Amino acid sequence: MEDTDFGKDQDKLDTTKRQIVLDTETTGIDPAQGHRVIEIGCVEMIGRKLTGNHFHVYLNPERFVEEDAIRIHGITNEFLVDKPVFAQVVDDFLAFIKDSELVIHNAPFDVGFLNNELRLLGSQHGTVTDVASVFDTLSFARQQFPGQRNSLDALCKRFDVENGHRTLHGALLDAEILADVYLLMTGGQRKLFQPAQAQQTAAGREQEIRRLASARAALKVITASADEKAAHETYMQGIQEESGKRLWELDETTAN
């Protein structure tokens, strides 16, 4: 994995440039071991405001996703079977990030994986930093809060950014959360989602819930037996006879 320094100019904040908040999900932790990108999520900001434009794609990695990775992001091998390969989306992806500043949490990880995907296609596409600059929010957070935990979850807690819906990692969902954290961490406003962003967030949460549900076994439904139903009916009649009222007519004092 590449160890490029993406934090050296992070004190020079240009509020007019086009920024792309980016996150990826992968089959494992190291591209040197053959691991690949399986999801890319990007949201666009111009002048530190979310525009509603985004780039989001799931990818067939042409290899198995490790079980440890599935436990983190919930994206299964079965889900990725019919998804495009990186070669089919590379031109659209590079066009979307071109001439922007990429805002990424732990940028060496994501950029290393993306550069590996570009290398696998040959030299004609170059590297990520040939088309965009990079702002590493993890490096910036470590400068601002030395000796403290600076994971995305820790920063959400520090800046009071809601992420309770983040039961699993997801590239688009994490990019949206990181945009909020980035604006607070660098002194800007928060929660600047336009209506399109709200729909986008809801769609991301729906997908997240679907992945979580598919990863769990179906819940076993147990119905009451005839004897249990009869006992319940007897109990309810006893309450009615004692109070002289039907159960739904009992006021709060009587019910207690």
C-alpha atoms as a PDB file:
ATOM      1  CA  MET A   1       0.000   0.000   0.000  1.00  0.00           C
ATOM      2  CA  GLU A   2       1.333   3.433  -0.877  1.00  0.00           C
ATOM      3  CA  ASP A   3       2.423   5.769   1.918  1.00  0.00           C
ATOM      4  CA  THR A   4       1.990   9.114   0.164  1.00  0.00           C
ATOM      5  CA  ASP A   5       1.818  12.211   2.381  1.00  0.00           C
ATOM      6  CA  PHE A   6      -1.563  13.799   1.710  1.00  0.00           C
ATOM      7  CA  GLY A   7      -1.493  16.134   4.699  1.00  0.00           C
ATOM      8  CA  LYS A   8       1.373  18.552   4.079  1.00  0.00           C
ATOM      9  CA  ASP A   9      -0.759  21.393   2.626  1.00  0.00           C
ATOM     10  CA  GLN A  10      -3.904  20.875   4.629  1.00  0.00           C
ATOM     11  CA  ASP A  11      -3.651  24.258   6.363  1.00  0.00           C
ATOM     12  CA  LYS A  12      -4.285  25.970   3.015  1.00  0.00           C
ATOM     13  CA  LEU A  13      -8.054  25.656   2.704  1.00  0.00           C
ATOM     14  CA  ASP A  14      -9.530  26.991  -0.541  1.00  0.00           C
ATOM     15  CA  THR A  15     -13.273  27.493  -0.094  1.00  0.00           C
ATOM     16  CA  THR A  16     -13.953  27.987  -3.816  1.00  0.00           C
ATOM     17  CA  LYS A  17     -12.566  24.774  -5.254  1.00  0.00           C
ATOM     18  CA  ARG A  18     -14.527  21.716  -6.304  1.00  0.00           C
ATOM     19  CA  GLN A  19     -14.168  18.954  -3.735  1.00  0.00           C
ATOM     20  CA  ILE A  20     -15.168  15.300  -3.937  1.00  0.00           C
ATOM     21  CA  VAL A  21     -15.668  13.432  -0.663  1.00  0.00           C
ATOM     22  CA  LEU A  22     -14.746   9.823  -1.461  1.00  0.00           C
ATOM     23  CA  ASP A  23     -14.808   6.429   0.193  1.00  0.00           C
ATOM     24  CA  THR A  24     -14.285   2.860  -1.006  1.00  0.00           C
ATOM     25  CA  GLU A  25     -15.058  -0.650   0.205  1.00  0.00           C
ATOM     26  CA  THR A  26     -12.751  -3.527  -0.681  1.00  0.00           C
ATOM     27  CA  THR A  27     -12.353  -7.313  -0.619  1.00  0.00           C
ATOM     28  CA  GLY A  28      -9.623  -7.072   2.040  1.00  0.00           C
ATOM     29  CA  ILE A  29      -7.011  -4.754   3.476  1.00  0.00           C
ATOM     30  CA  ASP A  30      -4.059  -4.905   1.083  1.00  0.00           C
ATOM     31  CA  PRO A  31      -3.989  -4.592  -2.735  1.00  0.00           C
ATOM     32  CA  ALA A  32      -0.513  -6.147  -2.708  1.00  0.00           C
ATOM     33  CA  GLN A  33      -2.246  -9.387  -1.683  1.00  0.00           C
ATOM     34  CA  GLY A  34      -4.601  -9.198  -4.649  1.00  0.00           C
ATOM     35  CA  HIS A  35      -7.475  -7.419  -2.945  1.00  0.00           C
ATOM     36  CA  ARG A  36      -9.738  -5.229  -5.059  1.00  0.00           C
ATOM     37  CA  VAL A  37     -12.219  -2.359  -4.832  1.00  0.00           C
ATOM     38  CA  ILE A  38     -15.897  -3.406  -4.674  1.00  0.00           C
ATOM     39  CA  GLU A  39     -17.637  -0.065  -4.018  1.00  0.00           C
ATOM     40  CA  ILE A  40     -16.861   3.590  -4.731  1.00  0.00           C
ATOM     41  CA  GLY A  41     -18.960   6.386  -3.238  1.00  0.00           C
ATOM     42  CA  CYS A  42     -18.406  10.090  -3.963  1.00  0.00           C
ATOM     43  CA  VAL A  43     -20.336  13.267  -3.129  1.00  0.00           C
ATOM     44  CA  GLU A  44     -19.538  16.663  -4.644  1.00  0.00           C
ATOM     45  CA  MET A  45     -19.027  19.949  -2.787  1.00  0.00           C
ATOM     46  CA  ILE A  46     -18.423  23.343  -4.384  1.00  0.00           C
ATOM     47  CA  GLY A  47     -17.693  26.314  -2.148  1.00  0.00           C
ATOM     48  CA  ARG A  48     -18.074  23.942   0.849  1.00  0.00           C
ATOM     49  CA  LYS A  49     -21.677  23.178  -0.075  1.00  0.00           C
ATOM     50  CA  LEU A  50     -22.999  19.805  -1.177  1.00  0.00           C
ATOM     51  CA  THR A  51     -24.353  20.100  -4.711  1.00  0.00           C
ATOM     52  CA  GLY A  52     -26.430  16.930  -4.957  1.00  0.00           C
ATOM     53  CA  ASN A  53     -24.096  15.410  -7.568  1.00  0.00           C
ATOM     54  CA  HIS A  54     -22.641  12.053  -6.693  1.00  0.00           C
ATOM     55  CA  PHE A  55     -20.887   9.024  -8.159  1.00  0.00           C
ATOM     56  CA  HIS A  56     -21.705   5.608  -6.751  1.00  0.00           C
ATOM     57  CA  VAL A  57     -21.001   2.144  -8.104  1.00  0.00           C
ATOM     58  CA  TYR A  58     -20.614  -1.440  -6.907  1.00  0.00           C
ATOM     59  CA  LEU A  59     -17.932  -3.475  -8.685  1.00  0.00           C
ATOM     60  CA  ASN A  60     -17.329  -7.128  -9.463  1.00  0.00           C
ATOM     61  CA  PRO A  61     -13.779  -7.639  -8.103  1.00  0.00           C
ATOM     62  CA  GLU A  62     -13.241 -10.855 -10.084  1.00  0.00           C
ATOM     63  CA  ARG A  63     -12.212 -12.575  -6.856  1.00  0.00           C
ATOM     64  CA  PHE A  64     -13.786 -13.561  -3.543  1.00  0.00           C
ATOM     65  CA  VAL A  65     -14.514 -11.057  -0.793  1.00  0.00           C
ATOM     66  CA  GLU A  66     -12.952 -12.127   2.504  1.00  0.00           C
ATOM     67  CA  GLU A  67     -15.313 -13.016   5.349  1.00  0.00           C
ATOM     68  CA  ASP A  68     -13.677 -10.442   7.649  1.00  0.00           C
ATOM     69  CA  ALA A  69     -14.396  -7.738   5.070  1.00  0.00           C
ATOM     70  CA  ILE A  70     -18.018  -8.875   4.647  1.00  0.00           C
ATOM     71  CA  ARG A  71     -18.510  -8.520   8.409  1.00  0.00           C
ATOM     72  CA  ILE A  72     -17.447  -4.865   8.090  1.00  0.00           C
ATOM     73  CA  HIS A  73     -19.403  -3.744   5.042  1.00  0.00           C
ATOM     74  CA  GLY A  74     -21.961  -6.516   4.473  1.00  0.00           C
ATOM     75  CA  ILE A  75     -21.319  -6.721   0.714  1.00  0.00           C
ATOM     76  CA  THR A  76     -21.434 -10.380  -0.307  1.00  0.00           C
ATOM     77  CA  ASN A  77     -19.945 -12.236  -3.242  1.00  0.00           C
ATOM     78  CA  GLU A  78     -23.446 -13.099  -4.450  1.00  0.00           C
ATOM     79  CA  PHE A  79     -24.443  -9.429  -4.493  1.00  0.00           C
ATOM     80  CA  LEU A  80     -21.444  -8.502  -6.700  1.00  0.00           C
ATOM     81  CA  VAL A  81     -21.787 -11.226  -9.333  1.00  0.00           C
ATOM     82  CA  ASP A  82     -23.705  -9.110 -11.851  1.00  0.00           C
ATOM     83  CA  LYS A  83     -21.950  -5.797 -11.132  1.00  0.00           C
ATOM     84  CA  PRO A  84     -19.602  -4.109 -13.651  1.00  0.00           C
ATOM     85  CA  VAL A  85     -15.838  -4.530 -13.455  1.00  0.00           C
ATOM     86  CA  PHE A  86     -13.636  -1.486 -12.826  1.00  0.00           C
ATOM     87  CA  ALA A  87     -12.626  -1.232 -16.500  1.00  0.00           C
ATOM     88  CA  GLN A  88     -16.265  -0.534 -17.388  1.00  0.00           C
ATOM     89  CA  VAL A  89     -16.551   2.490 -15.062  1.00  0.00           C
ATOM     90  CA  VAL A  90     -13.011   3.897 -14.997  1.00  0.00           C
ATOM     91  CA  ASP A  91     -13.630   6.639 -17.569  1.00  0.00           C
ATOM     92  CA  ASP A  92     -16.759   7.882 -15.806  1.00  0.00           C
ATOM     93  CA  PHE A  93     -14.999   7.764 -12.432  1.00  0.00           C
ATOM     94  CA  LEU A  94     -11.942   9.709 -13.590  1.00  0.00           C
ATOM     95  CA  ALA A  95     -14.134  12.266 -15.340  1.00  0.00           C
ATOM     96  CA  PHE A  96     -16.109  12.803 -12.115  1.00  0.00           C
ATOM     97  CA  ILE A  97     -13.035  13.434  -9.932  1.00  0.00           C
ATOM     98  CA  LYS A  98     -10.997  15.338 -12.551  1.00  0.00           C
ATOM     99  CA  ASP A  99      -9.555  18.681 -11.365  1.00  0.00           C
ATOM    100  CA  SER A 100     -11.072  18.299  -7.899  1.00  0.00           C
ATOM    101  CA  GLU A 101      -9.683  17.970  -4.407  1.00  0.00           C
ATOM    102  CA  LEU A 102     -10.521  14.541  -3.013  1.00  0.00           C
ATOM    103  CA  VAL A 103     -11.486  14.536   0.668  1.00  0.00           C
ATOM    104  CA  ILE A 104     -10.762  11.054   2.042  1.00  0.00           C
ATOM    105  CA  HIS A 105     -10.419   9.599   5.549  1.00  0.00           C
ATOM    106  CA  ASN A 106      -7.169   7.602   5.617  1.00  0.00           C
ATOM    107  CA  ALA A 107      -6.375   8.570   2.032  1.00  0.00           C
ATOM    108  CA  PRO A 108      -3.357   6.247   1.555  1.00  0.00           C
ATOM    109  CA  PHE A 109      -5.717   3.268   1.903  1.00  0.00           C
ATOM    110  CA  ASP A 110      -8.331   4.371  -0.649  1.00  0.00           C
ATOM    111  CA  VAL A 111      -5.865   5.980  -3.064  1.00  0.00           C
ATOM    112  CA  GLY A 112      -3.617   2.930  -2.872  1.00  0.00           C
ATOM    113  CA  PHE A 113      -6.503   0.655  -3.841  1.00  0.00           C
ATOM    114  CA  LEU A 114      -7.675   2.949  -6.637  1.00  0.00           C
ATOM    115  CA  ASN A 115      -4.151   3.298  -8.035  1.00  0.00           C
ATOM    116  CA  ASN A 116      -3.871  -0.487  -7.990  1.00  0.00           C
ATOM    117  CA  GLU A 117      -7.061  -0.738 -10.063  1.00  0.00           C
ATOM    118  CA  LEU A 118      -5.623   1.793 -12.533  1.00  0.00           C
ATOM    119  CA  ARG A 119      -2.331  -0.098 -12.739  1.00  0.00           C
ATOM    120  CA  LEU A 120      -4.147  -3.324 -13.543  1.00  0.00           C
ATOM    121  CA  LEU A 121      -5.602  -1.613 -16.632  1.00  0.00           C
ATOM    122  CA  GLY A 122      -2.214  -0.430 -17.886  1.00  0.00           C
ATOM    123  CA  SER A 123      -0.379   2.880 -17.795  1.00  0.00           C
ATOM    124  CA  GLN A 124      -2.789   4.876 -19.965  1.00  0.00           C
ATOM    125  CA  HIS A 125      -4.869   6.094 -17.005  1.00  0.00           C
ATOM    126  CA  GLY A 126      -1.983   7.211 -14.770  1.00  0.00           C
ATOM    127  CA  THR A 127      -2.736   7.587 -11.048  1.00  0.00           C
ATOM    128  CA  VAL A 128      -5.395   9.268  -8.954  1.00  0.00           C
ATOM    129  CA  THR A 129      -3.109  12.208  -8.159  1.00  0.00           C
ATOM    130  CA  ASP A 130      -2.582  12.812 -11.882  1.00  0.00           C
ATOM    131  CA  VAL A 131      -6.193  14.007 -12.102  1.00  0.00           C
ATOM    132  CA  ALA A 132      -6.975  15.270  -8.580  1.00  0.00           C
ATOM    133  CA  SER A 133      -5.321  16.515  -5.400  1.00  0.00           C
ATOM    134  CA  VAL A 134      -5.995  14.772  -2.080  1.00  0.00           C
ATOM    135  CA  PHE A 135      -6.953  16.021   1.400  1.00  0.00           C
ATOM    136  CA  ASP A 136      -6.549  13.334   4.082  1.00  0.00           C
ATOM    137  CA  THR A 137      -8.981  14.031   6.926  1.00  0.00           C
ATOM    138  CA  LEU A 138      -7.302  11.408   9.133  1.00  0.00           C
ATOM    139  CA  SER A 139      -3.928  13.154   8.823  1.00  0.00           C
ATOM    140  CA  PHE A 140      -5.618  16.510   9.473  1.00  0.00           C
ATOM    141  CA  ALA A 141      -7.480  15.143  12.523  1.00  0.00           C
ATOM    142  CA  ARG A 142      -4.222  13.781  13.968  1.00  0.00           C
ATOM    143  CA  GLN A 143      -2.717  17.267  13.670  1.00  0.00           C
ATOM    144  CA  GLN A 144      -5.751  18.820  15.356  1.00  0.00           C
ATOM    145  CA  PHE A 145      -6.245  16.154  18.047  1.00  0.00           C
ATOM    146  CA  PRO A 146      -2.871  14.497  18.738  1.00  0.00           C
ATOM    147  CA  GLY A 147      -2.987  11.410  20.908  1.00  0.00           C
ATOM    148  CA  GLN A 148      -6.749  10.962  20.526  1.00  0.00           C
ATOM    149  CA  ARG A 149      -8.826   8.458  18.570  1.00  0.00           C
ATOM    150  CA  ASN A 150      -9.506   9.851  15.117  1.00  0.00           C
ATOM    151  CA  SER A 151     -11.519   7.158  13.358  1.00  0.00           C
ATOM    152  CA  LEU A 152     -14.587   8.384  11.471  1.00  0.00           C
ATOM    153  CA  ASP A 153     -16.820   7.064  14.276  1.00  0.00           C
ATOM    154  CA  ALA A 154     -14.701   8.876  16.884  1.00  0.00           C
ATOM    155  CA  LEU A 155     -14.896  12.133  14.909  1.00  0.00           C
ATOM    156  CA  CYS A 156     -18.672  11.760  14.557  1.00  0.00           C
ATOM    157  CA  LYS A 157     -18.921  11.523  18.343  1.00  0.00           C
ATOM    158  CA  ARG A 158     -16.517  14.453  18.851  1.00  0.00           C
ATOM    159  CA  PHE A 159     -18.442  16.736  16.481  1.00  0.00           C
ATOM    160  CA  ASP A 160     -21.914  15.418  17.357  1.00  0.00           C
ATOM    161  CA  VAL A 161     -22.560  14.093  13.849  1.00  0.00           C
ATOM    162  CA  GLU A 162     -25.431  11.583  13.711  1.00  0.00           C
ATOM    163  CA  ASN A 163     -24.262   8.178  12.490  1.00  0.00           C
ATOM    164  CA  GLY A 164     -26.560   5.826  14.385  1.00  0.00           C
ATOM    165  CA  HIS A 165     -27.849   4.458  11.055  1.00  0.00           C
ATOM    166  CA  ARG A 166     -24.301   3.326  10.194  1.00  0.00           C
ATOM    167  CA  THR A 167     -24.656  -0.306  11.298  1.00  0.00           C
ATOM    168  CA  LEU A 168     -22.422  -1.346   8.427  1.00  0.00           C
ATOM    169  CA  HIS A 169     -19.794   0.529   6.465  1.00  0.00           C
ATOM    170  CA  GLY A 170     -20.887   1.681   3.011  1.00  0.00           C
ATOM    171  CA  ALA A 171     -18.905   3.888   0.647  1.00  0.00           C
ATOM    172  CA  LEU A 172     -21.643   6.377  -0.242  1.00  0.00           C
ATOM    173  CA  LEU A 173     -23.021   6.548   3.304  1.00  0.00           C
ATOM    174  CA  ASP A 174     -19.529   7.057   4.753  1.00  0.00           C
ATOM    175  CA  ALA A 175     -18.738   9.752   2.163  1.00  0.00           C
ATOM    176  CA  GLU A 176     -21.877  11.645   3.194  1.00  0.00           C
ATOM    177  CA  ILE A 177     -20.985  11.352   6.886  1.00  0.00           C
ATOM    178  CA  LEU A 178     -17.387  12.390   6.196  1.00  0.00           C
ATOM    179  CA  ALA A 179     -18.605  15.501   4.353  1.00  0.00           C
ATOM    180  CA  ASP A 180     -20.422  16.594   7.508  1.00  0.00           C
ATOM    181  CA  VAL A 181     -17.382  15.842   9.690  1.00  0.00           C
ATOM    182  CA  TYR A 182     -15.029  17.630   7.286  1.00  0.00           C
ATOM    183  CA  LEU A 183     -17.105  20.835   7.308  1.00  0.00           C
ATOM    184  CA  LEU A 184     -17.139  20.903  11.104  1.00  0.00           C
ATOM    185  CA  MET A 185     -13.487  19.925  11.478  1.00  0.00           C
ATOM    186  CA  THR A 186     -12.338  22.706   9.143  1.00  0.00           C
ATOM    187  CA  GLY A 187     -14.565  25.369  10.676  1.00  0.00           C
ATOM    188  CA  GLY A 188     -17.533  25.290   8.314  1.00  0.00           C
ATOM    189  CA  GLN A 189     -21.239  24.624   8.583  1.00  0.00           C
ATOM    190  CA  ARG A 190     -22.829  21.219   8.911  1.00  0.00           C
ATOM    191  CA  LYS A 191     -25.770  19.329   7.438  1.00  0.00           C
ATOM    192  CA  LEU A 192     -25.985  21.212   4.167  1.00  0.00           C
ATOM    193  CA  PHE A 193     -27.800  18.446   2.290  1.00  0.00           C
ATOM    194  CA  GLN A 194     -30.143  19.657  -0.436  1.00  0.00           C
ATOM    195  CA  PRO A 195     -33.408  17.686  -1.057  1.00  0.00           C
ATOM    196  CA  ALA A 196     -31.612  15.494  -3.582  1.00  0.00           C
ATOM    197  CA  GLN A 197     -29.029  14.682  -0.904  1.00  0.00           C
ATOM    198  CA  ALA A 198     -31.730  13.629   1.535  1.00  0.00           C
ATOM    199  CA  GLN A 199     -33.160  11.204  -1.040  1.00  0.00           C
ATOM    200  CA  GLN A 200     -29.661   9.950  -1.760  1.00  0.00           C
ATOM    201  CA  THR A 201     -29.025   9.349   1.950  1.00  0.00           C
ATOM    202  CA  ALA A 202     -32.306   7.481   2.301  1.00  0.00           C
ATOM    203  CA  ALA A 203     -31.422   5.299  -0.671  1.00  0.00           C
ATOM    204  CA  GLY A 204     -28.059   4.536   0.873  1.00  0.00           C
ATOM    205  CA  ARG A 205     -29.663   3.567   4.167  1.00  0.00           C
ATOM    206  CA  GLU A 206     -32.198   1.368   2.366  1.00  0.00           C
ATOM    207  CA  GLN A 207     -29.371  -0.438   0.568  1.00  0.00           C
ATOM    208  CA  GLU A 208     -27.494  -0.788   3.848  1.00  0.00           C
ATOM    209  CA  ILE A 209     -30.538  -2.310   5.535  1.00  0.00           C
ATOM    210  CA  ARG A 210     -31.025  -4.718   2.620  1.00  0.00           C
ATOM    211  CA  ARG A 211     -27.427  -5.907   2.895  1.00  0.00           C
ATOM    212  CA  LEU A 212     -27.716  -6.343   6.657  1.00  0.00           C
ATOM    213  CA  ALA A 213     -30.972  -8.255   6.356  1.00  0.00           C
ATOM    214  CA  SER A 214     -29.557 -10.577   3.697  1.00  0.00           C
ATOM    215  CA  ALA A 215     -26.550 -11.350   5.874  1.00  0.00           C
ATOM    216  CA  ARG A 216     -28.732 -12.554   8.754  1.00  0.00           C
ATOM    217  CA  ALA A 217     -30.759 -15.727   9.042  1.00  0.00           C
ATOM    218  CA  ALA A 218     -34.528 -15.297   8.768  1.00  0.00           C
ATOM    219  CA  LEU A 219     -36.179 -14.750  12.149  1.00  0.00           C
ATOM    220  CA  LYS A 220     -38.152 -17.708  13.454  1.00  0.00           C
ATOM    221  CA  VAL A 221     -41.811 -16.784  14.069  1.00  0.00           C
ATOM    222  CA  ILE A 222     -43.473 -18.657  16.957  1.00  0.00           C
ATOM    223  CA  THR A 223     -47.275 -18.415  17.237  1.00  0.00           C
ATOM    224  CA  ALA A 224     -49.287 -18.927  20.422  1.00  0.00           C
ATOM    225  CA  SER A 225     -50.849 -22.345  20.991  1.00  0.00           C
ATOM    226  CA  ALA A 226     -54.590 -22.860  21.464  1.00  0.00           C
ATOM    227  CA  ASP A 227     -54.091 -23.316  25.246  1.00  0.00           C
ATOM    228  CA  GLU A 228     -52.045 -20.085  25.452  1.00  0.00           C
ATOM    229  CA  LYS A 229     -54.724 -18.161  23.535  1.00  0.00           C
ATOM    230  CA  ALA A 230     -57.436 -19.499  25.866  1.00  0.00           C
ATOM    231  CA  ALA A 231     -55.412 -18.543  28.968  1.00  0.00           C
ATOM    232  CA  HIS A 232     -54.907 -15.032  27.578  1.00  0.00           C
ATOM    233  CA  GLU A 233     -58.639 -14.638  26.916  1.00  0.00           C
ATOM    234  CA  THR A 234     -59.454 -15.738  30.484  1.00  0.00           C
ATOM    235  CA  TYR A 235     -56.952 -13.206  31.854  1.00  0.00           C
ATOM    236  CA  MET A 236     -58.432 -10.369  29.788  1.00  0.00           C
ATOM    237  CA  GLN A 237     -61.988 -11.231  30.916  1.00  0.00           C
ATOM    238  CA  GLY A 238     -60.816 -11.141  34.524  1.00  0.00           C
ATOM    239  CA  ILE A 239     -59.481  -7.593  34.097  1.00  0.00           C
ATOM    240  CA  GLN A 240     -62.771  -6.503  32.534  1.00  0.00           C
ATOM    241  CA  GLU A 241     -64.896  -8.058  35.301  1.00  0.00           C
ATOM    242  CA  GLU A 242     -62.728  -6.547  38.051  1.00  0.00           C
ATOM    243  CA  SER A 243     -62.751  -3.008  36.604  1.00  0.00           C
ATOM    244  CA  GLY A 244     -66.222  -3.003  35.123  1.00  0.00           C
ATOM    245  CA  LYS A 245     -64.793  -1.552  31.941  1.00  0.00           C
ATOM    246  CA  ARG A 246     -63.442  -2.860  28.694  1.00  0.00           C
ATOM    247  CA  LEU A 247     -59.636  -2.859  28.657  1.00  0.00           C
ATOM    248  CA  TRP A 248     -59.299   0.029  26.168  1.00  0.00           C
ATOM    249  CA  GLU A 249     -61.576   2.199  28.372  1.00  0.00           C
ATOM    250  CA  LEU A 250     -59.269   1.965  31.410  1.00  0.00           C
ATOM    251  CA  ASP A 251     -57.646   5.303  32.235  1.00  0.00           C
ATOM    252  CA  GLU A 252     -53.968   5.584  33.134  1.00  0.00           C
ATOM    253  CA  THR A 253     -54.628   5.503  36.901  1.00  0.00           C
ATOM    254  CA  THR A 254     -56.786   2.367  36.724  1.00  0.00           C
ATOM    255  CA  ALA A 255     -54.326   0.626  34.431  1.00  0.00           C
ATOM    256  CA  ASN A 256     -51.524   1.189  36.938  1.00  0.00           C
END
